[in-house]
Amino acid sequence: MPWNGFVVNRTLFGFFIAIGLLFLAPQAYAFQPPQPKPQVTKPSQEVVLLDNGHYTNVDGKRIHSPSHTAGNRMPSGASAKCEDGTFSFSQHRRGTCSHHGGVEQWL
């Protein structure tokens, strides 16, 4: 039976050590409510269009004319990049970039 006594004594010893640590450092184990995440402001991702023209397409909808952008970044809603570097917002392939050297890349 000495083996069983050794296991029990060792387990009790570990238990008392754990309880002692709780009393020595109570704040380390205390419940802490979740902290709110800091609000990080992101720089504006909006791309500025440099040209403000519009036209009416075959469906009767008012569409932004092909436009250059600051930094040559692709604006949201663009459907193609024209050969002259403008971005087209055309809703149909026919005639897209026709006055801008044709389509360089469909987006």
C-alpha atoms as a PDB file:
ATOM      1  CA  MET A   1       0.000   0.000   0.000  1.00  0.00           C
ATOM      2  CA  PRO A   2       2.854   2.453   0.132  1.00  0.00           C
ATOM      3  CA  TRP A   3       2.494   3.019  -3.623  1.00  0.00           C
ATOM      4  CA  ASN A   4      -1.153   4.117  -3.308  1.00  0.00           C
ATOM      5  CA  GLY A   5      -0.271   6.385  -0.392  1.00  0.00           C
ATOM      6  CA  PHE A   6       2.486   7.968  -2.490  1.00  0.00           C
ATOM      7  CA  VAL A   7       0.074   8.732  -5.339  1.00  0.00           C
ATOM      8  CA  VAL A   8      -2.516  10.187  -2.956  1.00  0.00           C
ATOM      9  CA  ASN A   9       0.088  12.273  -1.121  1.00  0.00           C
ATOM     10  CA  ARG A  10       1.523  13.545  -4.400  1.00  0.00           C
ATOM     11  CA  THR A  11      -1.958  14.482  -5.671  1.00  0.00           C
ATOM     12  CA  LEU A  12      -2.838  16.259  -2.426  1.00  0.00           C
ATOM     13  CA  PHE A  13       0.485  18.087  -2.515  1.00  0.00           C
ATOM     14  CA  GLY A  14      -0.256  19.374  -6.053  1.00  0.00           C
ATOM     15  CA  PHE A  15      -3.751  20.391  -4.995  1.00  0.00           C
ATOM     16  CA  PHE A  16      -2.467  22.425  -2.041  1.00  0.00           C
ATOM     17  CA  ILE A  17       0.199  24.082  -4.186  1.00  0.00           C
ATOM     18  CA  ALA A  18      -2.485  25.155  -6.699  1.00  0.00           C
ATOM     19  CA  ILE A  19      -4.697  26.549  -3.936  1.00  0.00           C
ATOM     20  CA  GLY A  20      -1.724  28.398  -2.452  1.00  0.00           C
ATOM     21  CA  LEU A  21      -0.964  30.000  -5.811  1.00  0.00           C
ATOM     22  CA  LEU A  22      -4.523  31.262  -6.035  1.00  0.00           C
ATOM     23  CA  PHE A  23      -4.111  33.063  -2.714  1.00  0.00           C
ATOM     24  CA  LEU A  24      -0.676  34.445  -3.567  1.00  0.00           C
ATOM     25  CA  ALA A  25      -1.718  35.905  -6.922  1.00  0.00           C
ATOM     26  CA  PRO A  26      -5.499  36.328  -6.833  1.00  0.00           C
ATOM     27  CA  GLN A  27      -5.591  39.059  -9.484  1.00  0.00           C
ATOM     28  CA  ALA A  28      -3.856  36.874 -12.039  1.00  0.00           C
ATOM     29  CA  TYR A  29      -6.731  34.399 -11.852  1.00  0.00           C
ATOM     30  CA  ALA A  30      -9.576  36.844 -11.275  1.00  0.00           C
ATOM     31  CA  PHE A  31     -12.300  37.143 -13.887  1.00  0.00           C
ATOM     32  CA  GLN A  32     -11.759  40.084 -16.164  1.00  0.00           C
ATOM     33  CA  PRO A  33     -14.543  41.200 -18.488  1.00  0.00           C
ATOM     34  CA  PRO A  34     -13.614  41.292 -22.163  1.00  0.00           C
ATOM     35  CA  GLN A  35     -12.036  44.564 -23.205  1.00  0.00           C
ATOM     36  CA  PRO A  36     -13.567  46.428 -26.154  1.00  0.00           C
ATOM     37  CA  LYS A  37     -11.499  46.307 -29.311  1.00  0.00           C
ATOM     38  CA  PRO A  38      -9.814  49.586 -30.177  1.00  0.00           C
ATOM     39  CA  GLN A  39     -11.396  51.417 -33.083  1.00  0.00           C
ATOM     40  CA  VAL A  40      -8.904  51.580 -35.919  1.00  0.00           C
ATOM     41  CA  THR A  41      -9.646  54.104 -38.596  1.00  0.00           C
ATOM     42  CA  LYS A  42      -8.650  53.005 -42.048  1.00  0.00           C
ATOM     43  CA  PRO A  43      -7.561  55.435 -44.699  1.00  0.00           C
ATOM     44  CA  SER A  44     -10.240  56.097 -47.268  1.00  0.00           C
ATOM     45  CA  GLN A  45     -10.325  53.372 -49.904  1.00  0.00           C
ATOM     46  CA  GLU A  46     -12.547  55.456 -52.163  1.00  0.00           C
ATOM     47  CA  VAL A  47     -11.035  56.150 -55.554  1.00  0.00           C
ATOM     48  CA  VAL A  48     -11.525  59.684 -56.834  1.00  0.00           C
ATOM     49  CA  LEU A  49     -12.764  60.067 -60.416  1.00  0.00           C
ATOM     50  CA  LEU A  50     -11.141  62.997 -62.186  1.00  0.00           C
ATOM     51  CA  ASP A  51     -13.798  63.414 -64.911  1.00  0.00           C
ATOM     52  CA  ASN A  52     -17.467  64.000 -64.106  1.00  0.00           C
ATOM     53  CA  GLY A  53     -19.264  63.421 -67.429  1.00  0.00           C
ATOM     54  CA  HIS A  54     -22.296  61.168 -67.899  1.00  0.00           C
ATOM     55  CA  TYR A  55     -24.225  59.689 -70.806  1.00  0.00           C
ATOM     56  CA  THR A  56     -27.490  57.835 -71.297  1.00  0.00           C
ATOM     57  CA  ASN A  57     -27.039  54.237 -72.477  1.00  0.00           C
ATOM     58  CA  VAL A  58     -29.326  52.221 -74.801  1.00  0.00           C
ATOM     59  CA  ASP A  59     -31.426  51.156 -71.781  1.00  0.00           C
ATOM     60  CA  GLY A  60     -32.084  54.796 -70.875  1.00  0.00           C
ATOM     61  CA  LYS A  61     -29.864  54.652 -67.777  1.00  0.00           C
ATOM     62  CA  ARG A  62     -27.503  57.478 -66.857  1.00  0.00           C
ATOM     63  CA  ILE A  63     -23.950  56.088 -66.827  1.00  0.00           C
ATOM     64  CA  HIS A  64     -20.702  57.761 -65.748  1.00  0.00           C
ATOM     65  CA  SER A  65     -18.472  58.490 -68.744  1.00  0.00           C
ATOM     66  CA  PRO A  66     -15.039  56.862 -68.904  1.00  0.00           C
ATOM     67  CA  SER A  67     -12.828  58.628 -66.395  1.00  0.00           C
ATOM     68  CA  HIS A  68      -9.236  58.841 -65.229  1.00  0.00           C
ATOM     69  CA  THR A  69      -8.617  58.219 -61.524  1.00  0.00           C
ATOM     70  CA  ALA A  70      -6.125  59.574 -59.040  1.00  0.00           C
ATOM     71  CA  GLY A  71      -3.203  57.166 -58.906  1.00  0.00           C
ATOM     72  CA  ASN A  72      -4.636  55.123 -61.803  1.00  0.00           C
ATOM     73  CA  ARG A  73      -6.498  52.932 -59.260  1.00  0.00           C
ATOM     74  CA  MET A  74      -9.563  50.967 -60.314  1.00  0.00           C
ATOM     75  CA  PRO A  75     -12.820  52.533 -59.075  1.00  0.00           C
ATOM     76  CA  SER A  76     -15.717  50.426 -57.858  1.00  0.00           C
ATOM     77  CA  GLY A  77     -18.278  49.742 -60.541  1.00  0.00           C
ATOM     78  CA  ALA A  78     -15.802  49.954 -63.430  1.00  0.00           C
ATOM     79  CA  SER A  79     -16.371  47.372 -66.138  1.00  0.00           C
ATOM     80  CA  ALA A  80     -13.310  47.951 -68.333  1.00  0.00           C
ATOM     81  CA  LYS A  81     -10.035  49.805 -68.572  1.00  0.00           C
ATOM     82  CA  CYS A  82      -9.638  51.685 -71.836  1.00  0.00           C
ATOM     83  CA  GLU A  83      -6.434  51.967 -73.900  1.00  0.00           C
ATOM     84  CA  ASP A  84      -6.062  55.639 -72.940  1.00  0.00           C
ATOM     85  CA  GLY A  85      -6.022  54.749 -69.214  1.00  0.00           C
ATOM     86  CA  THR A  86      -9.602  55.715 -68.413  1.00  0.00           C
ATOM     87  CA  PHE A  87     -11.994  53.379 -66.622  1.00  0.00           C
ATOM     88  CA  SER A  88     -15.354  52.663 -68.273  1.00  0.00           C
ATOM     89  CA  PHE A  89     -18.611  52.016 -66.425  1.00  0.00           C
ATOM     90  CA  SER A  90     -20.387  50.655 -69.481  1.00  0.00           C
ATOM     91  CA  GLN A  91     -23.102  48.056 -68.874  1.00  0.00           C
ATOM     92  CA  HIS A  92     -22.823  46.560 -72.362  1.00  0.00           C
ATOM     93  CA  ARG A  93     -19.756  45.424 -74.274  1.00  0.00           C
ATOM     94  CA  ARG A  94     -20.761  47.037 -77.538  1.00  0.00           C
ATOM     95  CA  GLY A  95     -19.225  50.494 -77.840  1.00  0.00           C
ATOM     96  CA  THR A  96     -17.269  50.282 -74.589  1.00  0.00           C
ATOM     97  CA  CYS A  97     -14.203  52.584 -74.767  1.00  0.00           C
ATOM     98  CA  SER A  98     -15.048  53.390 -78.418  1.00  0.00           C
ATOM     99  CA  HIS A  99     -13.787  56.986 -78.081  1.00  0.00           C
ATOM    100  CA  HIS A 100     -10.899  56.006 -75.793  1.00  0.00           C
ATOM    101  CA  GLY A 101      -8.813  53.693 -77.998  1.00  0.00           C
ATOM    102  CA  GLY A 102     -10.781  50.522 -77.309  1.00  0.00           C
ATOM    103  CA  VAL A 103     -10.748  48.147 -74.364  1.00  0.00           C
ATOM    104  CA  GLU A 104      -7.371  47.388 -72.826  1.00  0.00           C
ATOM    105  CA  GLN A 105      -8.767  45.025 -70.187  1.00  0.00           C
ATOM    106  CA  TRP A 106     -12.220  43.840 -69.130  1.00  0.00           C
ATOM    107  CA  LEU A 107     -12.708  44.038 -65.360  1.00  0.00           C
END
